[in-house]
Amino acid sequence: MTMTKDLIVSTTPQETKVALLEDGRVSEIFIEREAHRGIVGNIYKGRVTRVLPGMQSAFVDLGLERDAFLYVTDVLEGLDENLLTPEEAGHAPANGGHRAASIESMLTEGQDVLVQIVKEPLGQKGARITAHVSLPGRYLVYMPTVEHVGVSRKIMEEEERRRLKTLLKDVRQERGGGGFIARTAGAGRSAEDFQRDGRYLGRAWDEVRARAGRERAPVLLHRELGLVQRLLRDLLSDDIASIRLDNDREYQRTLDLVGELSPELSSRVRLFPQSGSILEEHGVTGELERALRSKVWLDSGGYLVINQTEALVAVDINSGRYTGKKNLEETILKINVEAVGELVRQIRLRDLGGIIVVDFIDMEEKKSRQKVMAVLEQELRRDRSPSKVLSVNEFGLVILTRKRVRQSLERTLCEPCPYCTGSGMVKTVATVCSEIYDEVRKLAPDVKAQGVALRVNPEVARALGAEENAVLKDLSTVLGHDIRVQGDPLLHQEQFDVVPL
């Protein structure tokens, strides 16, 4: 059964939101703010600011807020005046795979390099960059620094793979070299489609090289397409049932691009009436709010708890209100299987990446664990981002990795709470009252006045007048003076001042 997909696009002067719906349900949300537009795919001429032999890496100034990070494996060997070399990261180099060169033998401080962003700045980390440029088109990915021909792994038929490799060799011959990979969208496409894509990407690269020769570092040489244009390039296919937009200008741009890429799909581009909210109409607003919560309920009554940390994402599966009808193992299996579908959906929806640790409910039987893993691998095939299941054990722990390119949805839309400073916890009122007691006792020998005033959060003031009143009585005895309590709503719950009167 074919899945129906829809793209919902909402555009304002400040930002663009795009939701991918699968069978009417939101599966992915993309947000791009004009003031903080993503930089993955951008190509820069940068200048090396530091070379770190101990880490075999270098920092490169691209004119951004923080210097970008370049690993030795992402540096081109034998840099010439055009910053080109016949090899590409992730593929066998032309010299047969030998790479003994160190970072300090290839780069020096002050040297200019042509690089591409492969990972957005995350937290306090600068962008991750590579000198191995790749330019994606509709059906091709062009890699000017490598002599390589490949086909997307999602194209499984051997005969089609052979046909595509033959077409790619023709494209490479016309270009006079370089590497090409056929994208999944290229399955079944004609030689003319690939030739046209190859020429377009070749011209784009020639323009980058020409600008690199003219401009002084640091400078942006090539900007990746905007959000809507990128998604149309990557997702547009026969299984997209509709593309719905609420902005006249974006509607016309989309109509023009679809007419260029796939004219037969132009009738599926539709303008949403201005009177309503396109995001609310298709349930995107509600899903967006739920995607920012840690707890996600399942239809059965079980639930997931999703927590992002600096190092990894932790997901806990719980039975919740579901008690089952037969034996315990069957109950646990049902919850775990249901949780897998929602887990993968939430990973895509929230754009979670890096290391993801999932704590399933413990299953005694090996066949139960195998079934859960089979469902997990099947669901992960829907995800466009590469992922890999690393391990599973009898305790129900599964570790998987997912390629992280940009900030997650939570990191994009939220910031650490200034109240709890990102910990998610604050000291209880009882704890604060105990700290007040210790602090006042410590200051008691120096208090010469007629008494002291405590300036505290109103909630702490309430407690000192009720369940924690014993704290005030004991301190009054120690000081030999009355203690005045003043509630200040501007104070953090953990803050207080001891003021002599």
Protein backbone atom coordinates (compact mmCIF):
# COMPACT_ATOMS: atom_id res chain seq x y z
CA MET A 1 0.00 0.00 0.00
CA THR A 2 1.45 3.36 -1.08
CA MET A 3 1.83 6.04 1.55
CA THR A 4 0.31 9.45 0.77
CA LYS A 5 2.61 12.39 1.45
CA ASP A 6 1.78 16.09 1.68
CA LEU A 7 3.98 19.14 2.19
CA ILE A 8 2.49 21.98 4.25
CA VAL A 9 4.35 25.30 3.95
CA SER A 10 3.74 28.35 6.14
CA THR A 11 5.78 31.48 5.41
CA THR A 12 6.10 34.75 7.32
CA PRO A 13 8.69 37.54 6.92
CA GLN A 14 10.50 36.08 9.96
CA GLU A 15 10.47 32.35 9.31
CA THR A 16 9.33 29.42 7.18
CA LYS A 17 7.79 26.25 8.61
CA VAL A 18 7.36 23.11 6.52
CA ALA A 19 5.66 19.93 7.68
CA LEU A 20 5.80 16.57 5.92
CA LEU A 21 2.58 14.60 6.41
CA GLU A 22 2.49 10.85 5.84
CA ASP A 23 -1.03 9.48 5.51
CA GLY A 24 -2.29 12.71 7.08
CA ARG A 25 -0.03 12.51 10.14
CA VAL A 26 2.87 14.88 10.78
CA SER A 27 6.16 12.98 10.51
CA GLU A 28 8.75 15.74 10.05
CA ILE A 29 8.86 19.47 10.76
CA PHE A 30 11.43 21.86 9.32
CA ILE A 31 11.93 25.44 10.51
CA GLU A 32 14.17 28.09 9.02
CA ARG A 33 14.41 31.59 10.43
CA GLU A 34 15.57 34.30 8.09
CA ALA A 35 17.82 35.84 10.76
CA HIS A 36 19.36 32.43 11.57
CA ARG A 37 19.31 30.66 8.24
CA GLY A 38 21.01 27.26 8.19
CA ILE A 39 24.52 27.11 6.78
CA VAL A 40 24.96 23.39 6.01
CA GLY A 41 25.98 23.07 2.37
CA ASN A 42 27.39 26.59 2.16
CA ILE A 43 30.85 26.88 0.58
CA TYR A 44 33.40 29.35 1.94
CA LYS A 45 36.90 30.51 1.26
CA GLY A 46 38.36 30.47 4.76
CA ARG A 47 41.64 31.16 6.48
CA VAL A 48 43.39 28.75 8.84
CA THR A 49 43.75 30.35 12.28
CA ARG A 50 45.20 27.44 14.30
CA VAL A 51 46.71 24.06 13.48
CA LEU A 52 46.48 21.48 16.28
CA PRO A 53 48.93 18.58 15.70
CA GLY A 54 47.82 16.88 18.92
CA MET A 55 44.24 16.64 17.66
CA GLN A 56 45.17 16.36 13.95
CA SER A 57 42.75 19.17 13.17
CA ALA A 58 42.61 22.88 12.50
CA PHE A 59 40.40 25.89 13.15
CA VAL A 60 39.35 27.93 10.15
CA ASP A 61 37.93 31.46 10.12
CA LEU A 62 34.89 31.62 7.83
CA GLY A 63 33.65 35.00 9.04
CA LEU A 64 31.15 33.31 11.37
CA GLU A 65 30.70 33.82 15.13
CA ARG A 66 33.06 30.92 15.92
CA ASP A 67 35.87 29.37 13.92
CA ALA A 68 34.97 26.15 12.13
CA PHE A 69 36.60 22.78 12.84
CA LEU A 70 38.47 20.84 10.14
CA TYR A 71 39.68 17.25 10.74
CA VAL A 72 42.75 15.89 9.00
CA THR A 73 40.64 13.35 7.07
CA ASP A 74 38.65 16.25 5.61
CA VAL A 75 41.70 18.09 4.27
CA LEU A 76 42.67 17.85 0.63
CA GLU A 77 46.18 16.54 0.06
CA GLY A 78 48.44 18.47 -2.27
CA LEU A 79 46.49 21.74 -2.13
CA ASP A 80 47.16 23.73 -5.28
CA GLU A 81 46.25 27.28 -6.22
CA ASN A 82 42.72 26.18 -7.08
CA LEU A 83 42.34 24.19 -3.84
CA LEU A 84 41.52 20.98 -5.72
CA THR A 85 42.67 17.35 -5.41
CA PRO A 86 41.45 13.98 -6.76
CA GLU A 87 39.91 12.54 -3.63
CA GLU A 88 36.76 12.84 -1.56
CA ALA A 89 35.88 12.00 2.03
CA GLY A 90 34.10 8.67 2.44
CA HIS A 91 35.44 7.23 -0.85
CA ALA A 92 38.67 5.55 -1.85
CA PRO A 93 41.25 8.20 -2.84
CA ALA A 94 42.99 8.07 -6.17
CA ASN A 95 46.30 7.17 -4.57
CA GLY A 96 44.94 3.79 -3.46
CA GLY A 97 44.00 4.72 0.10
CA HIS A 98 47.43 5.62 1.51
CA ARG A 99 47.23 8.64 3.77
CA ALA A 100 50.22 9.20 5.99
CA ALA A 101 50.26 13.01 5.82
CA SER A 102 49.76 14.88 9.09
CA ILE A 103 47.69 18.01 9.53
CA GLU A 104 50.80 20.17 10.06
CA SER A 105 52.31 18.99 6.77
CA MET A 106 49.17 20.01 4.84
CA LEU A 107 48.04 23.23 6.55
CA THR A 108 49.74 26.28 8.01
CA GLU A 109 48.32 29.23 9.91
CA GLY A 110 47.19 32.00 7.56
CA GLN A 111 46.63 29.60 4.65
CA ASP A 112 43.47 29.96 2.54
CA VAL A 113 41.25 26.90 2.10
CA LEU A 114 38.03 26.26 0.21
CA VAL A 115 35.63 24.36 2.46
CA GLN A 116 31.99 23.34 2.82
CA ILE A 117 29.84 23.22 5.98
CA VAL A 118 28.80 19.67 6.83
CA LYS A 119 27.44 20.26 10.35
CA GLU A 120 25.84 23.32 11.92
CA PRO A 121 27.44 24.91 15.00
CA LEU A 122 26.00 23.06 18.01
CA GLY A 123 26.08 24.59 21.47
CA GLN A 124 29.55 26.02 22.02
CA LYS A 125 31.03 24.06 19.11
CA GLY A 126 31.84 25.72 15.83
CA ALA A 127 30.70 24.35 12.49
CA ARG A 128 32.22 21.13 11.16
CA ILE A 129 33.70 21.61 7.69
CA THR A 130 35.31 19.61 4.90
CA ALA A 131 37.45 20.45 1.90
CA HIS A 132 35.70 17.64 -0.01
CA VAL A 133 32.88 19.60 -1.64
CA SER A 134 29.65 17.94 -2.78
CA LEU A 135 26.88 19.70 -4.70
CA PRO A 136 23.44 18.01 -4.68
CA GLY A 137 21.12 18.31 -7.63
CA ARG A 138 17.73 16.78 -8.42
CA TYR A 139 19.05 13.38 -9.51
CA LEU A 140 22.81 13.68 -8.92
CA VAL A 141 25.35 14.60 -6.31
CA TYR A 142 28.46 16.12 -7.90
CA MET A 143 31.80 15.75 -6.07
CA PRO A 144 34.44 17.73 -7.95
CA THR A 145 37.35 16.48 -5.84
CA VAL A 146 36.95 12.73 -6.45
CA GLU A 147 36.94 10.31 -9.36
CA HIS A 148 34.07 8.14 -8.24
CA VAL A 149 30.74 6.87 -9.59
CA GLY A 150 28.08 5.49 -7.26
CA VAL A 151 24.37 4.81 -6.86
CA SER A 152 22.14 5.40 -3.84
CA ARG A 153 21.86 2.31 -1.66
CA LYS A 154 18.08 2.75 -1.65
CA ILE A 155 18.02 1.76 -5.33
CA MET A 156 18.12 -2.02 -4.93
CA GLU A 157 17.58 -3.48 -8.42
CA GLU A 158 20.92 -4.58 -9.87
CA GLU A 159 19.91 -3.94 -13.48
CA GLU A 160 18.88 -0.35 -12.67
CA ARG A 161 22.09 0.22 -10.71
CA ARG A 162 24.16 -0.91 -13.69
CA ARG A 163 22.17 1.34 -16.03
CA LEU A 164 22.66 4.34 -13.77
CA LYS A 165 26.40 3.75 -13.42
CA THR A 166 26.71 3.70 -17.20
CA LEU A 167 24.82 7.01 -17.42
CA LEU A 168 26.99 8.54 -14.71
CA LYS A 169 30.18 7.59 -16.55
CA ASP A 170 28.85 9.45 -19.58
CA VAL A 171 28.09 12.50 -17.43
CA ARG A 172 31.59 12.37 -15.94
CA GLN A 173 33.14 12.07 -19.38
CA GLU A 174 31.23 15.12 -20.60
CA ARG A 175 32.36 17.04 -17.53
CA GLY A 176 35.95 15.92 -17.96
CA GLY A 177 36.23 14.29 -14.53
CA GLY A 178 34.84 14.51 -11.04
CA GLY A 179 32.63 12.18 -9.05
CA PHE A 180 28.90 11.58 -9.37
CA ILE A 181 26.36 9.69 -7.28
CA ALA A 182 22.84 8.92 -8.51
CA ARG A 183 20.25 9.95 -5.92
CA THR A 184 17.20 7.85 -5.13
CA ALA A 185 15.06 10.25 -7.17
CA GLY A 186 17.15 9.33 -10.22
CA ALA A 187 15.70 5.80 -10.48
CA GLY A 188 14.10 5.38 -13.89
CA ARG A 189 15.23 8.79 -15.16
CA SER A 190 16.59 9.32 -18.65
CA ALA A 191 20.12 10.11 -19.76
CA GLU A 192 18.95 13.61 -20.67
CA ASP A 193 17.80 14.22 -17.07
CA PHE A 194 21.23 13.28 -15.75
CA GLN A 195 23.10 15.27 -18.40
CA ARG A 196 21.04 18.38 -17.61
CA ASP A 197 21.63 17.96 -13.86
CA GLY A 198 25.34 17.40 -14.40
CA ARG A 199 25.73 20.54 -16.53
CA TYR A 200 23.88 22.66 -13.98
CA LEU A 201 26.05 21.42 -11.09
CA GLY A 202 29.21 21.79 -13.16
CA ARG A 203 28.40 25.44 -13.88
CA ALA A 204 27.73 26.03 -10.18
CA TRP A 205 31.16 24.62 -9.28
CA ASP A 206 32.91 26.64 -11.97
CA GLU A 207 31.35 29.78 -10.54
CA VAL A 208 32.53 28.84 -7.02
CA ARG A 209 36.11 28.37 -8.26
CA ALA A 210 36.02 31.65 -10.17
CA ARG A 211 34.82 33.56 -7.11
CA ALA A 212 37.42 31.84 -4.92
CA GLY A 213 40.12 33.21 -7.23
CA ARG A 214 38.75 36.76 -6.99
CA GLU A 215 37.64 37.12 -3.36
CA ARG A 216 39.69 37.47 -0.18
CA ALA A 217 39.12 35.13 2.76
CA PRO A 218 36.97 34.81 4.74
CA VAL A 219 34.08 34.96 2.28
CA LEU A 220 30.90 33.03 1.44
CA LEU A 221 31.18 31.68 -2.10
CA HIS A 222 28.01 29.61 -2.46
CA ARG A 223 24.81 29.59 -0.40
CA GLU A 224 22.68 26.46 -0.19
CA LEU A 225 19.08 26.79 -1.39
CA GLY A 226 16.35 28.01 0.96
CA LEU A 227 14.31 25.54 3.00
CA VAL A 228 11.38 25.10 0.60
CA GLN A 229 13.61 24.81 -2.45
CA ARG A 230 15.85 22.23 -0.72
CA LEU A 231 12.89 20.10 0.29
CA LEU A 232 11.38 20.24 -3.19
CA ARG A 233 14.71 19.23 -4.68
CA ASP A 234 15.06 16.32 -2.25
CA LEU A 235 11.46 15.15 -1.78
CA LEU A 236 9.53 16.00 -4.93
CA SER A 237 8.27 12.78 -6.51
CA ASP A 238 5.06 11.09 -7.63
CA ASP A 239 4.19 10.10 -4.05
CA ILE A 240 3.81 13.78 -3.01
CA ALA A 241 0.03 14.19 -3.24
CA SER A 242 -0.04 17.93 -2.59
CA ILE A 243 2.09 20.97 -1.76
CA ARG A 244 0.04 23.54 0.14
CA LEU A 245 1.29 27.05 0.83
CA ASP A 246 -0.15 30.13 2.57
CA ASN A 247 2.04 32.82 0.97
CA ASP A 248 1.50 34.21 -2.53
CA ARG A 249 5.18 34.83 -3.24
CA GLU A 250 6.33 31.42 -1.98
CA TYR A 251 3.46 29.80 -3.89
CA GLN A 252 4.64 31.35 -7.16
CA ARG A 253 8.28 30.42 -6.52
CA THR A 254 7.23 26.86 -5.71
CA LEU A 255 5.03 26.66 -8.79
CA ASP A 256 7.95 27.81 -10.96
CA LEU A 257 10.39 25.33 -9.40
CA VAL A 258 7.99 22.39 -9.62
CA GLY A 259 7.30 23.35 -13.24
CA GLU A 260 11.04 23.16 -13.87
CA LEU A 261 11.72 19.95 -11.91
CA SER A 262 8.53 17.92 -12.55
CA PRO A 263 5.99 19.78 -14.72
CA GLU A 264 3.48 16.94 -14.41
CA LEU A 265 3.17 17.68 -10.67
CA SER A 266 2.38 21.40 -11.04
CA SER A 267 -1.34 20.83 -10.46
CA ARG A 268 -0.55 19.54 -6.95
CA VAL A 269 0.75 22.95 -5.83
CA ARG A 270 -2.10 24.75 -4.08
CA LEU A 271 -2.55 28.12 -2.37
CA PHE A 272 -4.23 28.01 1.04
CA PRO A 273 -6.82 30.79 1.69
CA GLN A 274 -5.47 33.64 3.79
CA SER A 275 -8.42 33.57 6.19
CA GLY A 276 -7.25 30.58 8.25
CA SER A 277 -4.11 29.00 9.68
CA ILE A 278 -2.66 26.34 7.42
CA LEU A 279 -0.66 24.85 10.30
CA GLU A 280 -3.67 24.48 12.58
CA GLU A 281 -5.82 23.21 9.73
CA HIS A 282 -3.47 20.25 9.22
CA GLY A 283 -2.66 19.61 12.89
CA VAL A 284 0.93 20.87 12.70
CA THR A 285 0.65 23.39 15.55
CA GLY A 286 -0.48 20.74 18.03
CA GLU A 287 2.25 18.30 16.96
CA LEU A 288 4.82 21.05 17.31
CA GLU A 289 3.75 21.68 20.91
CA ARG A 290 3.78 17.96 21.74
CA ALA A 291 7.24 17.57 20.20
CA LEU A 292 8.61 19.94 22.85
CA ARG A 293 7.33 17.83 25.74
CA SER A 294 9.38 15.06 27.30
CA LYS A 295 6.43 12.65 27.75
CA VAL A 296 4.69 11.15 24.70
CA TRP A 297 1.58 9.01 25.29
CA LEU A 298 0.84 5.89 23.25
CA ASP A 299 -2.66 4.82 22.20
CA SER A 300 -2.45 1.76 24.48
CA GLY A 301 -1.83 3.87 27.58
CA GLY A 302 1.94 3.38 27.67
CA TYR A 303 4.29 6.30 27.15
CA LEU A 304 7.78 7.41 26.12
CA VAL A 305 9.99 9.82 28.06
CA ILE A 306 12.52 11.61 25.84
CA ASN A 307 15.39 13.61 27.35
CA GLN A 308 18.17 15.33 25.44
CA THR A 309 21.54 15.75 27.10
CA GLU A 310 24.75 17.27 25.83
CA ALA A 311 26.19 13.85 24.96
CA LEU A 312 23.18 11.76 23.94
CA VAL A 313 19.40 11.33 23.82
CA ALA A 314 17.82 9.01 26.39
CA VAL A 315 14.42 7.42 25.70
CA ASP A 316 12.55 5.42 28.33
CA ILE A 317 9.57 3.19 27.45
CA ASN A 318 6.95 2.71 30.18
CA SER A 319 3.77 0.61 30.40
CA GLY A 320 1.80 3.45 32.01
CA ARG A 321 -1.93 2.68 32.18
CA TYR A 322 -1.76 -0.39 29.94
CA THR A 323 -2.18 -3.67 31.84
CA GLY A 324 -2.79 -6.11 28.98
CA LYS A 325 -5.27 -8.94 28.67
CA LYS A 326 -3.19 -12.15 28.70
CA ASN A 327 0.31 -12.91 29.95
CA LEU A 328 3.00 -10.42 30.97
CA GLU A 329 5.37 -11.13 28.06
CA GLU A 330 2.63 -10.46 25.50
CA THR A 331 1.70 -7.23 27.27
CA ILE A 332 5.31 -6.01 27.28
CA LEU A 333 5.82 -7.00 23.64
CA LYS A 334 2.71 -5.09 22.55
CA ILE A 335 3.84 -1.91 24.32
CA ASN A 336 7.40 -2.16 22.96
CA VAL A 337 6.23 -2.74 19.38
CA GLU A 338 3.80 0.18 19.56
CA ALA A 339 6.52 2.32 21.13
CA VAL A 340 8.91 1.62 18.21
CA GLY A 341 6.62 3.30 15.67
CA GLU A 342 6.16 6.37 17.86
CA LEU A 343 9.86 6.40 18.78
CA VAL A 344 11.03 6.62 15.16
CA ARG A 345 8.34 9.20 14.41
CA GLN A 346 9.51 11.35 17.32
CA ILE A 347 13.16 10.98 16.28
CA ARG A 348 12.24 12.31 12.84
CA LEU A 349 9.82 14.92 14.14
CA ARG A 350 12.28 16.31 16.70
CA ASP A 351 15.27 15.76 14.38
CA LEU A 352 17.21 13.98 17.11
CA GLY A 353 20.75 12.93 16.26
CA GLY A 354 24.00 11.56 17.63
CA ILE A 355 23.79 8.67 20.10
CA ILE A 356 20.27 7.62 21.06
CA VAL A 357 19.84 5.17 23.95
CA VAL A 358 16.43 3.48 24.20
CA ASP A 359 15.39 1.61 27.35
CA PHE A 360 12.63 -0.76 26.27
CA ILE A 361 10.62 -2.68 28.88
CA ASP A 362 12.57 -5.88 29.68
CA MET A 363 11.58 -8.88 27.56
CA GLU A 364 12.36 -12.39 28.75
CA GLU A 365 12.02 -14.21 25.42
CA LYS A 366 14.59 -13.84 22.68
CA LYS A 367 11.95 -13.99 19.94
CA SER A 368 10.22 -10.98 21.52
CA ARG A 369 13.43 -8.95 21.38
CA GLN A 370 14.00 -10.04 17.78
CA LYS A 371 10.51 -8.91 16.80
CA VAL A 372 11.01 -5.48 18.36
CA MET A 373 14.34 -5.09 16.55
CA ALA A 374 12.80 -6.15 13.24
CA VAL A 375 10.06 -3.54 13.62
CA LEU A 376 12.65 -0.90 14.60
CA GLU A 377 14.78 -1.56 11.52
CA GLN A 378 11.69 -1.48 9.32
CA GLU A 379 10.53 1.86 10.74
CA LEU A 380 14.02 3.38 10.40
CA ARG A 381 13.91 2.75 6.64
CA ARG A 382 11.38 5.58 6.37
CA ASP A 383 13.93 8.01 7.76
CA ARG A 384 15.99 9.96 5.22
CA SER A 385 18.80 10.56 7.73
CA PRO A 386 21.29 7.67 7.95
CA SER A 387 21.05 5.66 11.16
CA LYS A 388 22.57 2.49 12.55
CA VAL A 389 21.55 0.17 15.38
CA LEU A 390 24.71 -0.52 17.38
CA SER A 391 23.62 -2.93 20.08
CA VAL A 392 20.77 -4.59 21.93
CA ASN A 393 20.89 -6.67 25.09
CA GLU A 394 18.63 -8.79 27.27
CA PHE A 395 17.91 -5.83 29.55
CA GLY A 396 16.04 -4.03 26.78
CA LEU A 397 18.71 -1.39 26.06
CA VAL A 398 19.14 -0.45 22.41
CA ILE A 399 21.80 1.99 21.23
CA LEU A 400 21.52 3.57 17.80
CA THR A 401 23.18 6.46 16.04
CA ARG A 402 21.57 8.94 13.67
CA LYS A 403 23.41 11.46 11.58
CA ARG A 404 23.18 14.88 13.19
CA VAL A 405 23.54 17.79 10.79
CA ARG A 406 21.70 20.63 12.49
CA GLN A 407 20.14 21.61 15.80
CA SER A 408 17.20 19.49 16.98
CA LEU A 409 13.70 20.98 17.03
CA GLU A 410 13.96 21.57 20.78
CA ARG A 411 17.28 23.37 20.46
CA THR A 412 15.89 25.45 17.58
CA LEU A 413 12.71 26.57 19.34
CA CYS A 414 13.81 26.65 22.98
CA GLU A 415 16.63 27.84 25.21
CA PRO A 416 17.76 26.76 28.70
CA CYS A 417 15.44 27.99 31.43
CA PRO A 418 17.05 30.99 33.16
CA TYR A 419 15.37 29.86 36.37
CA CYS A 420 16.77 26.34 36.60
CA THR A 421 19.75 27.13 34.26
CA GLY A 422 19.01 24.10 32.16
CA SER A 423 19.02 21.48 34.91
CA GLY A 424 15.26 21.04 34.87
CA MET A 425 15.27 21.11 38.69
CA VAL A 426 15.17 23.74 41.46
CA LYS A 427 15.77 23.36 45.19
CA THR A 428 12.65 22.69 47.23
CA VAL A 429 11.28 25.33 49.59
CA ALA A 430 12.29 23.13 52.54
CA THR A 431 15.89 22.97 51.24
CA VAL A 432 16.03 26.77 50.89
CA CYS A 433 14.68 27.21 54.43
CA SER A 434 17.40 24.88 55.70
CA GLU A 435 20.04 26.94 53.88
CA ILE A 436 18.61 30.12 55.42
CA TYR A 437 18.92 28.55 58.87
CA ASP A 438 22.58 27.64 58.27
CA GLU A 439 23.44 31.06 56.85
CA VAL A 440 21.82 33.06 59.66
CA ARG A 441 23.48 30.89 62.33
CA LYS A 442 26.83 31.51 60.65
CA LEU A 443 26.23 35.28 60.70
CA ALA A 444 24.81 35.36 64.26
CA PRO A 445 28.07 36.42 66.02
CA ASP A 446 28.35 39.48 63.75
CA VAL A 447 24.74 40.64 64.05
CA LYS A 448 24.84 43.58 66.51
CA ALA A 449 21.58 45.24 65.46
CA GLN A 450 18.11 44.85 66.94
CA GLY A 451 17.17 42.11 64.48
CA VAL A 452 17.45 40.94 60.90
CA ALA A 453 15.22 40.91 57.87
CA LEU A 454 15.01 38.01 55.46
CA ARG A 455 14.26 38.94 51.85
CA VAL A 456 13.03 35.76 50.17
CA ASN A 457 10.89 34.46 47.34
CA PRO A 458 7.15 34.72 48.22
CA GLU A 459 6.79 30.92 48.22
CA VAL A 460 9.60 30.64 50.78
CA ALA A 461 8.03 33.45 52.82
CA ARG A 462 4.74 31.54 52.90
CA ALA A 463 6.51 28.36 54.09
CA LEU A 464 8.38 30.23 56.85
CA GLY A 465 5.02 31.39 58.15
CA ALA A 466 3.52 27.93 58.05
CA GLU A 467 5.16 24.48 57.83
CA GLU A 468 8.71 25.86 58.22
CA ASN A 469 7.88 28.26 61.04
CA ALA A 470 10.14 26.31 63.41
CA VAL A 471 13.12 27.70 61.46
CA LEU A 472 12.17 31.28 62.42
CA LYS A 473 11.55 30.38 66.06
CA ASP A 474 14.93 28.66 66.43
CA LEU A 475 16.77 31.53 64.73
CA SER A 476 15.01 34.12 66.89
CA THR A 477 16.23 32.24 69.95
CA VAL A 478 19.81 32.07 68.60
CA LEU A 479 19.89 35.79 67.70
CA GLY A 480 17.90 37.04 70.65
CA HIS A 481 16.03 39.26 68.15
CA ASP A 482 12.92 39.09 66.04
CA ILE A 483 13.25 38.18 62.39
CA ARG A 484 11.23 40.03 59.78
CA VAL A 485 10.37 38.17 56.57
CA GLN A 486 9.85 40.09 53.31
CA GLY A 487 8.57 38.34 50.20
CA ASP A 488 10.12 39.57 46.94
CA PRO A 489 8.63 38.15 43.71
CA LEU A 490 11.74 39.22 41.80
CA LEU A 491 13.90 36.77 43.72
CA HIS A 492 14.61 33.28 42.38
CA GLN A 493 13.20 30.57 44.65
CA GLU A 494 16.76 29.60 45.66
CA GLN A 495 17.88 33.16 46.43
CA PHE A 496 17.60 35.02 49.74
CA ASP A 497 19.20 38.00 51.51
CA VAL A 498 19.93 38.39 55.23
CA VAL A 499 19.71 42.12 56.03
CA PRO A 500 20.64 43.50 59.52
CA LEU A 501 18.12 46.07 60.80
